[in-house]
Amino acid sequence: MTSGARGSDAIRTTDHDAIRRWAEARGGRPAAVAGTGGDDADDGGILRIDFGEKEEGLEEISWDRFFRTFEDRRLAFLHQEEIEGHDSRFFKLVRRD
């Protein structure tokens, strides 16, 4: 669900489809900081979205794993649609409460 909360043109959402569409429209893929996941295959580690060429230190994960971790940690996705007339890649994962 997308809330009306906006600050500095940032939009806060927990809608998985909206998050995935936003990321993929900018060439983003779900990722985690390498070495931060636990022994449990469901532990996504420290979540990120990797844009463009694969960033060193990040490992690509599935959207399913990304969103399982996102929900387990009760996160929300704070992002911008545009900045100065161009698609923005600004995002931050924040606590829902």
PDB file of N, CA and C in Angstrom:
ATOM      1  N   MET A   1       0.836  -1.175   0.000  1.00  0.00           N
ATOM      2  CA  MET A   1       0.000   0.000   0.000  1.00  0.00           C
ATOM      3  C   MET A   1       0.875   1.230   0.000  1.00  0.00           C
ATOM      4  N   THR A   2       0.476   2.227  -0.717  1.00  0.00           N
ATOM      5  CA  THR A   2       1.210   3.482  -0.772  1.00  0.00           C
ATOM      6  C   THR A   2       0.547   4.445   0.180  1.00  0.00           C
ATOM      7  N   SER A   3       1.344   5.061   1.029  1.00  0.00           N
ATOM      8  CA  SER A   3       0.772   6.045   1.935  1.00  0.00           C
ATOM      9  C   SER A   3       0.938   7.419   1.329  1.00  0.00           C
ATOM     10  N   GLY A   4       0.229   8.362   1.869  1.00  0.00           N
ATOM     11  CA  GLY A   4       0.338   9.729   1.391  1.00  0.00           C
ATOM     12  C   GLY A   4       1.520  10.446   1.999  1.00  0.00           C
ATOM     13  N   ALA A   5       2.289   9.771   2.829  1.00  0.00           N
ATOM     14  CA  ALA A   5       3.404  10.432   3.493  1.00  0.00           C
ATOM     15  C   ALA A   5       4.481  10.785   2.479  1.00  0.00           C
ATOM     16  N   ARG A   6       4.741  12.054   2.379  1.00  0.00           N
ATOM     17  CA  ARG A   6       5.775  12.521   1.469  1.00  0.00           C
ATOM     18  C   ARG A   6       6.651  13.514   2.213  1.00  0.00           C
ATOM     19  N   GLY A   7       7.928  13.402   2.035  1.00  0.00           N
ATOM     20  CA  GLY A   7       8.865  14.350   2.594  1.00  0.00           C
ATOM     21  C   GLY A   7       9.972  14.503   1.594  1.00  0.00           C
ATOM     22  N   SER A   8      10.273  15.722   1.196  1.00  0.00           N
ATOM     23  CA  SER A   8      11.275  15.972   0.164  1.00  0.00           C
ATOM     24  C   SER A   8      10.938  15.179  -1.100  1.00  0.00           C
ATOM     25  N   ASP A   9       9.653  15.157  -1.443  1.00  0.00           N
ATOM     26  CA  ASP A   9       9.164  14.446  -2.617  1.00  0.00           C
ATOM     27  C   ASP A   9       9.381  12.939  -2.540  1.00  0.00           C
ATOM     28  N   ALA A  10       9.596  12.406  -1.363  1.00  0.00           N
ATOM     29  CA  ALA A  10       9.776  10.966  -1.201  1.00  0.00           C
ATOM     30  C   ALA A  10       8.416  10.318  -0.960  1.00  0.00           C
ATOM     31  N   ILE A  11       8.245   9.129  -1.499  1.00  0.00           N
ATOM     32  CA  ILE A  11       7.014   8.357  -1.370  1.00  0.00           C
ATOM     33  C   ILE A  11       7.333   7.113  -0.550  1.00  0.00           C
ATOM     34  N   ARG A  12       6.468   6.800   0.381  1.00  0.00           N
ATOM     35  CA  ARG A  12       6.656   5.624   1.245  1.00  0.00           C
ATOM     36  C   ARG A  12       5.634   4.573   0.835  1.00  0.00           C
ATOM     37  N   THR A  13       6.092   3.327   0.611  1.00  0.00           N
ATOM     38  CA  THR A  13       5.182   2.254   0.223  1.00  0.00           C
ATOM     39  C   THR A  13       5.652   0.919   0.792  1.00  0.00           C
ATOM     40  N   THR A  14       4.693   0.004   0.914  1.00  0.00           N
ATOM     41  CA  THR A  14       4.990  -1.387   1.250  1.00  0.00           C
ATOM     42  C   THR A  14       4.459  -2.317   0.160  1.00  0.00           C
ATOM     43  N   ASP A  15       3.972  -1.747  -0.928  1.00  0.00           N
ATOM     44  CA  ASP A  15       3.390  -2.499  -2.040  1.00  0.00           C
ATOM     45  C   ASP A  15       4.499  -3.173  -2.854  1.00  0.00           C
ATOM     46  N   HIS A  16       4.547  -4.496  -2.805  1.00  0.00           N
ATOM     47  CA  HIS A  16       5.615  -5.254  -3.482  1.00  0.00           C
ATOM     48  C   HIS A  16       5.651  -4.986  -4.976  1.00  0.00           C
ATOM     49  N   ASP A  17       4.483  -4.955  -5.611  1.00  0.00           N
ATOM     50  CA  ASP A  17       4.445  -4.725  -7.058  1.00  0.00           C
ATOM     51  C   ASP A  17       4.972  -3.340  -7.410  1.00  0.00           C
ATOM     52  N   ALA A  18       4.603  -2.336  -6.630  1.00  0.00           N
ATOM     53  CA  ALA A  18       5.067  -0.965  -6.886  1.00  0.00           C
ATOM     54  C   ALA A  18       6.581  -0.867  -6.712  1.00  0.00           C
ATOM     55  N   ILE A  19       7.117  -1.524  -5.703  1.00  0.00           N
ATOM     56  CA  ILE A  19       8.565  -1.512  -5.456  1.00  0.00           C
ATOM     57  C   ILE A  19       9.296  -2.188  -6.618  1.00  0.00           C
ATOM     58  N   ARG A  20       8.813  -3.342  -7.007  1.00  0.00           N
ATOM     59  CA  ARG A  20       9.457  -4.082  -8.098  1.00  0.00           C
ATOM     60  C   ARG A  20       9.398  -3.294  -9.402  1.00  0.00           C
ATOM     61  N   ARG A  21       8.231  -2.713  -9.724  1.00  0.00           N
ATOM     62  CA  ARG A  21       8.111  -1.904 -10.945  1.00  0.00           C
ATOM     63  C   ARG A  21       9.065  -0.717 -10.912  1.00  0.00           C
ATOM     64  N   TRP A  22       9.143  -0.020  -9.781  1.00  0.00           N
ATOM     65  CA  TRP A  22      10.030   1.130  -9.644  1.00  0.00           C
ATOM     66  C   TRP A  22      11.483   0.714  -9.904  1.00  0.00           C
ATOM     67  N   ALA A  23      11.916  -0.361  -9.247  1.00  0.00           N
ATOM     68  CA  ALA A  23      13.302  -0.828  -9.385  1.00  0.00           C
ATOM     69  C   ALA A  23      13.614  -1.276 -10.807  1.00  0.00           C
ATOM     70  N   GLU A  24      12.763  -2.103 -11.375  1.00  0.00           N
ATOM     71  CA  GLU A  24      13.025  -2.651 -12.706  1.00  0.00           C
ATOM     72  C   GLU A  24      12.977  -1.577 -13.784  1.00  0.00           C
ATOM     73  N   ALA A  25      12.156  -0.549 -13.596  1.00  0.00           N
ATOM     74  CA  ALA A  25      12.100   0.552 -14.566  1.00  0.00           C
ATOM     75  C   ALA A  25      13.422   1.320 -14.609  1.00  0.00           C
ATOM     76  N   ARG A  26      14.231   1.181 -13.564  1.00  0.00           N
ATOM     77  CA  ARG A  26      15.523   1.862 -13.476  1.00  0.00           C
ATOM     78  C   ARG A  26      16.695   0.896 -13.624  1.00  0.00           C
ATOM     79  N   GLY A  27      16.394  -0.329 -14.075  1.00  0.00           N
ATOM     80  CA  GLY A  27      17.437  -1.337 -14.261  1.00  0.00           C
ATOM     81  C   GLY A  27      17.904  -1.966 -12.967  1.00  0.00           C
ATOM     82  N   GLY A  28      17.068  -1.915 -11.921  1.00  0.00           N
ATOM     83  CA  GLY A  28      17.452  -2.439 -10.615  1.00  0.00           C
ATOM     84  C   GLY A  28      17.088  -3.899 -10.419  1.00  0.00           C
ATOM     85  N   ARG A  29      17.899  -4.555  -9.605  1.00  0.00           N
ATOM     86  CA  ARG A  29      17.691  -5.962  -9.255  1.00  0.00           C
ATOM     87  C   ARG A  29      17.794  -6.093  -7.737  1.00  0.00           C
ATOM     88  N   PRO A  30      17.038  -7.014  -7.139  1.00  0.00           N
ATOM     89  CA  PRO A  30      17.144  -7.208  -5.691  1.00  0.00           C
ATOM     90  C   PRO A  30      18.510  -7.786  -5.340  1.00  0.00           C
ATOM     91  N   ALA A  31      19.057  -7.305  -4.243  1.00  0.00           N
ATOM     92  CA  ALA A  31      20.389  -7.751  -3.838  1.00  0.00           C
ATOM     93  C   ALA A  31      20.519  -7.670  -2.323  1.00  0.00           C
ATOM     94  N   ALA A  32      21.573  -8.289  -1.838  1.00  0.00           N
ATOM     95  CA  ALA A  32      21.925  -8.216  -0.421  1.00  0.00           C
ATOM     96  C   ALA A  32      23.421  -7.985  -0.335  1.00  0.00           C
ATOM     97  N   VAL A  33      23.833  -7.328   0.736  1.00  0.00           N
ATOM     98  CA  VAL A  33      25.264  -7.133   0.972  1.00  0.00           C
ATOM     99  C   VAL A  33      25.860  -8.510   1.221  1.00  0.00           C
ATOM    100  N   ALA A  34      26.888  -8.857   0.463  1.00  0.00           N
ATOM    101  CA  ALA A  34      27.514 -10.176   0.558  1.00  0.00           C
ATOM    102  C   ALA A  34      27.967 -10.461   1.986  1.00  0.00           C
ATOM    103  N   GLY A  35      27.675 -11.689   2.435  1.00  0.00           N
ATOM    104  CA  GLY A  35      28.132 -12.124   3.747  1.00  0.00           C
ATOM    105  C   GLY A  35      27.255 -11.674   4.906  1.00  0.00           C
ATOM    106  N   THR A  36      26.132 -11.001   4.628  1.00  0.00           N
ATOM    107  CA  THR A  36      25.299 -10.519   5.734  1.00  0.00           C
ATOM    108  C   THR A  36      24.108 -11.417   6.035  1.00  0.00           C
ATOM    109  N   GLY A  37      23.817 -12.369   5.163  1.00  0.00           N
ATOM    110  CA  GLY A  37      22.720 -13.302   5.412  1.00  0.00           C
ATOM    111  C   GLY A  37      23.152 -14.365   6.404  1.00  0.00           C
ATOM    112  N   GLY A  38      22.197 -14.886   7.164  1.00  0.00           N
ATOM    113  CA  GLY A  38      22.504 -15.954   8.111  1.00  0.00           C
ATOM    114  C   GLY A  38      22.612 -17.290   7.413  1.00  0.00           C
ATOM    115  N   ASP A  39      22.700 -18.343   8.220  1.00  0.00           N
ATOM    116  CA  ASP A  39      22.769 -19.700   7.675  1.00  0.00           C
ATOM    117  C   ASP A  39      21.450 -20.121   7.046  1.00  0.00           C
ATOM    118  N   ASP A  40      20.365 -19.491   7.476  1.00  0.00           N
ATOM    119  CA  ASP A  40      19.035 -19.786   6.954  1.00  0.00           C
ATOM    120  C   ASP A  40      18.921 -19.225   5.542  1.00  0.00           C
ATOM    121  N   ALA A  41      18.520 -20.038   4.586  1.00  0.00           N
ATOM    122  CA  ALA A  41      18.412 -19.606   3.186  1.00  0.00           C
ATOM    123  C   ALA A  41      17.393 -18.488   3.001  1.00  0.00           C
ATOM    124  N   ASP A  42      16.463 -18.334   3.964  1.00  0.00           N
ATOM    125  CA  ASP A  42      15.456 -17.283   3.862  1.00  0.00           C
ATOM    126  C   ASP A  42      15.952 -15.939   4.396  1.00  0.00           C
ATOM    127  N   ASP A  43      17.079 -15.932   5.082  1.00  0.00           N
ATOM    128  CA  ASP A  43      17.598 -14.670   5.616  1.00  0.00           C
ATOM    129  C   ASP A  43      18.262 -13.905   4.483  1.00  0.00           C
ATOM    130  N   GLY A  44      17.640 -12.800   4.065  1.00  0.00           N
ATOM    131  CA  GLY A  44      18.123 -12.038   2.926  1.00  0.00           C
ATOM    132  C   GLY A  44      19.320 -11.156   3.218  1.00  0.00           C
ATOM    133  N   GLY A  45      19.748 -11.060   4.463  1.00  0.00           N
ATOM    134  CA  GLY A  45      20.864 -10.187   4.791  1.00  0.00           C
ATOM    135  C   GLY A  45      20.443  -8.730   4.721  1.00  0.00           C
ATOM    136  N   ILE A  46      21.416  -7.850   4.516  1.00  0.00           N
ATOM    137  CA  ILE A  46      21.141  -6.421   4.399  1.00  0.00           C
ATOM    138  C   ILE A  46      20.683  -6.160   2.968  1.00  0.00           C
ATOM    139  N   LEU A  47      19.429  -5.742   2.828  1.00  0.00           N
ATOM    140  CA  LEU A  47      18.822  -5.594   1.506  1.00  0.00           C
ATOM    141  C   LEU A  47      19.292  -4.339   0.785  1.00  0.00           C
ATOM    142  N   ARG A  48      19.425  -4.478  -0.514  1.00  0.00           N
ATOM    143  CA  ARG A  48      19.767  -3.367  -1.402  1.00  0.00           C
ATOM    144  C   ARG A  48      19.063  -3.603  -2.732  1.00  0.00           C
ATOM    145  N   ILE A  49      19.107  -2.595  -3.591  1.00  0.00           N
ATOM    146  CA  ILE A  49      18.742  -2.765  -4.994  1.00  0.00           C
ATOM    147  C   ILE A  49      19.972  -2.365  -5.778  1.00  0.00           C
ATOM    148  N   ASP A  50      20.406  -3.244  -6.652  1.00  0.00           N
ATOM    149  CA  ASP A  50      21.618  -3.037  -7.444  1.00  0.00           C
ATOM    150  C   ASP A  50      21.205  -2.538  -8.828  1.00  0.00           C
ATOM    151  N   PHE A  51      21.780  -1.427  -9.249  1.00  0.00           N
ATOM    152  CA  PHE A  51      21.456  -0.827 -10.541  1.00  0.00           C
ATOM    153  C   PHE A  51      22.619  -0.985 -11.503  1.00  0.00           C
ATOM    154  N   GLY A  52      22.305  -1.145 -12.798  1.00  0.00           N
ATOM    155  CA  GLY A  52      23.343  -1.202 -13.827  1.00  0.00           C
ATOM    156  C   GLY A  52      24.216  -2.426 -13.681  1.00  0.00           C
ATOM    157  N   GLU A  53      25.522  -2.214 -13.843  1.00  0.00           N
ATOM    158  CA  GLU A  53      26.461  -3.324 -13.700  1.00  0.00           C
ATOM    159  C   GLU A  53      26.473  -3.801 -12.261  1.00  0.00           C
ATOM    160  N   LYS A  54      26.713  -5.098 -12.080  1.00  0.00           N
ATOM    161  CA  LYS A  54      26.734  -5.677 -10.737  1.00  0.00           C
ATOM    162  C   LYS A  54      27.769  -4.963  -9.872  1.00  0.00           C
ATOM    163  N   GLU A  55      27.300  -4.513  -8.718  1.00  0.00           N
ATOM    164  CA  GLU A  55      28.193  -3.818  -7.788  1.00  0.00           C
ATOM    165  C   GLU A  55      28.945  -4.835  -6.941  1.00  0.00           C
ATOM    166  N   GLU A  56      30.247  -4.636  -6.827  1.00  0.00           N
ATOM    167  CA  GLU A  56      31.058  -5.515  -6.004  1.00  0.00           C
ATOM    168  C   GLU A  56      30.572  -5.420  -4.560  1.00  0.00           C
ATOM    169  N   GLY A  57      30.525  -6.546  -3.895  1.00  0.00           N
ATOM    170  CA  GLY A  57      30.072  -6.558  -2.511  1.00  0.00           C
ATOM    171  C   GLY A  57      28.583  -6.826  -2.361  1.00  0.00           C
ATOM    172  N   LEU A  58      27.870  -6.906  -3.496  1.00  0.00           N
ATOM    173  CA  LEU A  58      26.451  -7.243  -3.449  1.00  0.00           C
ATOM    174  C   LEU A  58      26.238  -8.574  -4.152  1.00  0.00           C
ATOM    175  N   GLU A  59      25.307  -9.352  -3.623  1.00  0.00           N
ATOM    176  CA  GLU A  59      24.925 -10.594  -4.302  1.00  0.00           C
ATOM    177  C   GLU A  59      23.463 -10.488  -4.692  1.00  0.00           C
ATOM    178  N   GLU A  60      23.171 -10.874  -5.927  1.00  0.00           N
ATOM    179  CA  GLU A  60      21.796 -10.821  -6.405  1.00  0.00           C
ATOM    180  C   GLU A  60      20.974 -11.888  -5.687  1.00  0.00           C
ATOM    181  N   ILE A  61      19.756 -11.528  -5.285  1.00  0.00           N
ATOM    182  CA  ILE A  61      18.831 -12.470  -4.666  1.00  0.00           C
ATOM    183  C   ILE A  61      17.514 -12.406  -5.432  1.00  0.00           C
ATOM    184  N   SER A  62      16.643 -13.343  -5.179  1.00  0.00           N
ATOM    185  CA  SER A  62      15.343 -13.353  -5.865  1.00  0.00           C
ATOM    186  C   SER A  62      14.422 -12.302  -5.250  1.00  0.00           C
ATOM    187  N   TRP A  63      13.425 -11.887  -6.027  1.00  0.00           N
ATOM    188  CA  TRP A  63      12.416 -10.975  -5.475  1.00  0.00           C
ATOM    189  C   TRP A  63      11.689 -11.658  -4.319  1.00  0.00           C
ATOM    190  N   ASP A  64      11.448 -12.965  -4.416  1.00  0.00           N
ATOM    191  CA  ASP A  64      10.775 -13.673  -3.317  1.00  0.00           C
ATOM    192  C   ASP A  64      11.570 -13.551  -2.020  1.00  0.00           C
ATOM    193  N   ARG A  65      12.854 -13.792  -2.100  1.00  0.00           N
ATOM    194  CA  ARG A  65      13.711 -13.694  -0.904  1.00  0.00           C
ATOM    195  C   ARG A  65      13.767 -12.254  -0.401  1.00  0.00           C
ATOM    196  N   PHE A  66      13.876 -11.299  -1.322  1.00  0.00           N
ATOM    197  CA  PHE A  66      13.897  -9.879  -0.958  1.00  0.00           C
ATOM    198  C   PHE A  66      12.639  -9.526  -0.164  1.00  0.00           C
ATOM    199  N   PHE A  67      11.471  -9.907  -0.689  1.00  0.00           N
ATOM    200  CA  PHE A  67      10.222  -9.514  -0.037  1.00  0.00           C
ATOM    201  C   PHE A  67       9.932 -10.321   1.231  1.00  0.00           C
ATOM    202  N   ARG A  68      10.418 -11.568   1.316  1.00  0.00           N
ATOM    203  CA  ARG A  68      10.294 -12.308   2.586  1.00  0.00           C
ATOM    204  C   ARG A  68      11.037 -11.571   3.686  1.00  0.00           C
ATOM    205  N   THR A  69      12.258 -11.159   3.387  1.00  0.00           N
ATOM    206  CA  THR A  69      13.065 -10.425   4.365  1.00  0.00           C
ATOM    207  C   THR A  69      12.441  -9.059   4.654  1.00  0.00           C
ATOM    208  N   PHE A  70      11.969  -8.385   3.626  1.00  0.00           N
ATOM    209  CA  PHE A  70      11.302  -7.091   3.745  1.00  0.00           C
ATOM    210  C   PHE A  70      10.128  -7.182   4.727  1.00  0.00           C
ATOM    211  N   GLU A  71       9.314  -8.227   4.590  1.00  0.00           N
ATOM    212  CA  GLU A  71       8.160  -8.408   5.473  1.00  0.00           C
ATOM    213  C   GLU A  71       8.577  -8.859   6.865  1.00  0.00           C
ATOM    214  N   ASP A  72       9.517  -9.793   6.950  1.00  0.00           N
ATOM    215  CA  ASP A  72       9.986 -10.273   8.263  1.00  0.00           C
ATOM    216  C   ASP A  72      10.513  -9.124   9.108  1.00  0.00           C
ATOM    217  N   ARG A  73      11.151  -8.162   8.474  1.00  0.00           N
ATOM    218  CA  ARG A  73      11.751  -7.026   9.193  1.00  0.00           C
ATOM    219  C   ARG A  73      10.816  -5.821   9.285  1.00  0.00           C
ATOM    220  N   ARG A  74       9.600  -5.978   8.726  1.00  0.00           N
ATOM    221  CA  ARG A  74       8.590  -4.919   8.754  1.00  0.00           C
ATOM    222  C   ARG A  74       9.148  -3.603   8.225  1.00  0.00           C
ATOM    223  N   LEU A  75       9.683  -3.684   6.998  1.00  0.00           N
ATOM    224  CA  LEU A  75      10.266  -2.519   6.351  1.00  0.00           C
ATOM    225  C   LEU A  75       9.268  -1.815   5.449  1.00  0.00           C
ATOM    226  N   ALA A  76       9.571  -0.580   5.120  1.00  0.00           N
ATOM    227  CA  ALA A  76       8.845   0.199   4.122  1.00  0.00           C
ATOM    228  C   ALA A  76       9.893   0.735   3.151  1.00  0.00           C
ATOM    229  N   PHE A  77       9.445   1.052   1.958  1.00  0.00           N
ATOM    230  CA  PHE A  77      10.318   1.514   0.877  1.00  0.00           C
ATOM    231  C   PHE A  77      10.057   2.999   0.655  1.00  0.00           C
ATOM    232  N   LEU A  78      11.048   3.809   0.918  1.00  0.00           N
ATOM    233  CA  LEU A  78      10.976   5.248   0.727  1.00  0.00           C
ATOM    234  C   LEU A  78      11.740   5.562  -0.553  1.00  0.00           C
ATOM    235  N   HIS A  79      11.087   6.248  -1.497  1.00  0.00           N
ATOM    236  CA  HIS A  79      11.742   6.474  -2.787  1.00  0.00           C
ATOM    237  C   HIS A  79      11.262   7.757  -3.441  1.00  0.00           C
ATOM    238  N   GLN A  80      11.994   8.194  -4.445  1.00  0.00           N
ATOM    239  CA  GLN A  80      11.605   9.322  -5.282  1.00  0.00           C
ATOM    240  C   GLN A  80      11.324   8.804  -6.681  1.00  0.00           C
ATOM    241  N   GLU A  81      10.327   9.394  -7.324  1.00  0.00           N
ATOM    242  CA  GLU A  81      10.045   9.057  -8.716  1.00  0.00           C
ATOM    243  C   GLU A  81      11.001   9.796  -9.655  1.00  0.00           C
ATOM    244  N   GLU A  82      11.135  11.092  -9.444  1.00  0.00           N
ATOM    245  CA  GLU A  82      11.970  11.921 -10.326  1.00  0.00           C
ATOM    246  C   GLU A  82      12.767  12.924  -9.513  1.00  0.00           C
ATOM    247  N   ILE A  83      13.855  13.356 -10.104  1.00  0.00           N
ATOM    248  CA  ILE A  83      14.635  14.460  -9.556  1.00  0.00           C
ATOM    249  C   ILE A  83      15.106  15.295 -10.742  1.00  0.00           C
ATOM    250  N   GLU A  84      14.808  16.547 -10.717  1.00  0.00           N
ATOM    251  CA  GLU A  84      15.174  17.474 -11.790  1.00  0.00           C
ATOM    252  C   GLU A  84      14.758  16.952 -13.164  1.00  0.00           C
ATOM    253  N   GLY A  85      13.547  16.378 -13.241  1.00  0.00           N
ATOM    254  CA  GLY A  85      13.004  15.924 -14.512  1.00  0.00           C
ATOM    255  C   GLY A  85      13.505  14.582 -15.006  1.00  0.00           C
ATOM    256  N   HIS A  86      14.319  13.883 -14.217  1.00  0.00           N
ATOM    257  CA  HIS A  86      14.859  12.574 -14.609  1.00  0.00           C
ATOM    258  C   HIS A  86      14.442  11.528 -13.585  1.00  0.00           C
ATOM    259  N   ASP A  87      14.345  10.268 -14.036  1.00  0.00           N
ATOM    260  CA  ASP A  87      14.044   9.185 -13.096  1.00  0.00           C
ATOM    261  C   ASP A  87      15.077   9.181 -11.980  1.00  0.00           C
ATOM    262  N   SER A  88      14.601   9.126 -10.758  1.00  0.00           N
ATOM    263  CA  SER A  88      15.490   9.082  -9.600  1.00  0.00           C
ATOM    264  C   SER A  88      15.732   7.641  -9.192  1.00  0.00           C
ATOM    265  N   ARG A  89      16.914   7.370  -8.693  1.00  0.00           N
ATOM    266  CA  ARG A  89      17.233   6.060  -8.125  1.00  0.00           C
ATOM    267  C   ARG A  89      17.296   6.135  -6.603  1.00  0.00           C
ATOM    268  N   PHE A  90      16.893   7.278  -6.045  1.00  0.00           N
ATOM    269  CA  PHE A  90      16.930   7.403  -4.593  1.00  0.00           C
ATOM    270  C   PHE A  90      15.913   6.478  -3.948  1.00  0.00           C
ATOM    271  N   PHE A  91      16.394   5.665  -2.993  1.00  0.00           N
ATOM    272  CA  PHE A  91      15.503   4.842  -2.184  1.00  0.00           C
ATOM    273  C   PHE A  91      16.171   4.581  -0.855  1.00  0.00           C
ATOM    274  N   LYS A  92      15.364   4.253   0.096  1.00  0.00           N
ATOM    275  CA  LYS A  92      15.856   3.902   1.418  1.00  0.00           C
ATOM    276  C   LYS A  92      14.868   2.928   2.034  1.00  0.00           C
ATOM    277  N   LEU A  93      15.363   1.903   2.675  1.00  0.00           N
ATOM    278  CA  LEU A  93      14.509   0.964   3.387  1.00  0.00           C
ATOM    279  C   LEU A  93      14.443   1.440   4.839  1.00  0.00           C
ATOM    280  N   VAL A  94      13.219   1.661   5.311  1.00  0.00           N
ATOM    281  CA  VAL A  94      13.011   2.211   6.649  1.00  0.00           C
ATOM    282  C   VAL A  94      12.041   1.316   7.421  1.00  0.00           C
ATOM    283  N   ARG A  95      12.032   1.462   8.738  1.00  0.00           N
ATOM    284  CA  ARG A  95      11.087   0.740   9.570  1.00  0.00           C
ATOM    285  C   ARG A  95       9.683   1.266   9.356  1.00  0.00           C
ATOM    286  N   ARG A  96       8.709   0.377   9.385  1.00  0.00           N
ATOM    287  CA  ARG A  96       7.322   0.798   9.188  1.00  0.00           C
ATOM    288  C   ARG A  96       6.789   1.621  10.341  1.00  0.00           C
ATOM    289  N   ASP A  97       7.252   1.359  11.559  1.00  0.00           N
ATOM    290  CA  ASP A  97       6.711   2.072  12.704  1.00  0.00           C
ATOM    291  C   ASP A  97       7.446   3.304  13.024  1.00  0.00           C
TER     292      ASP A  97
END
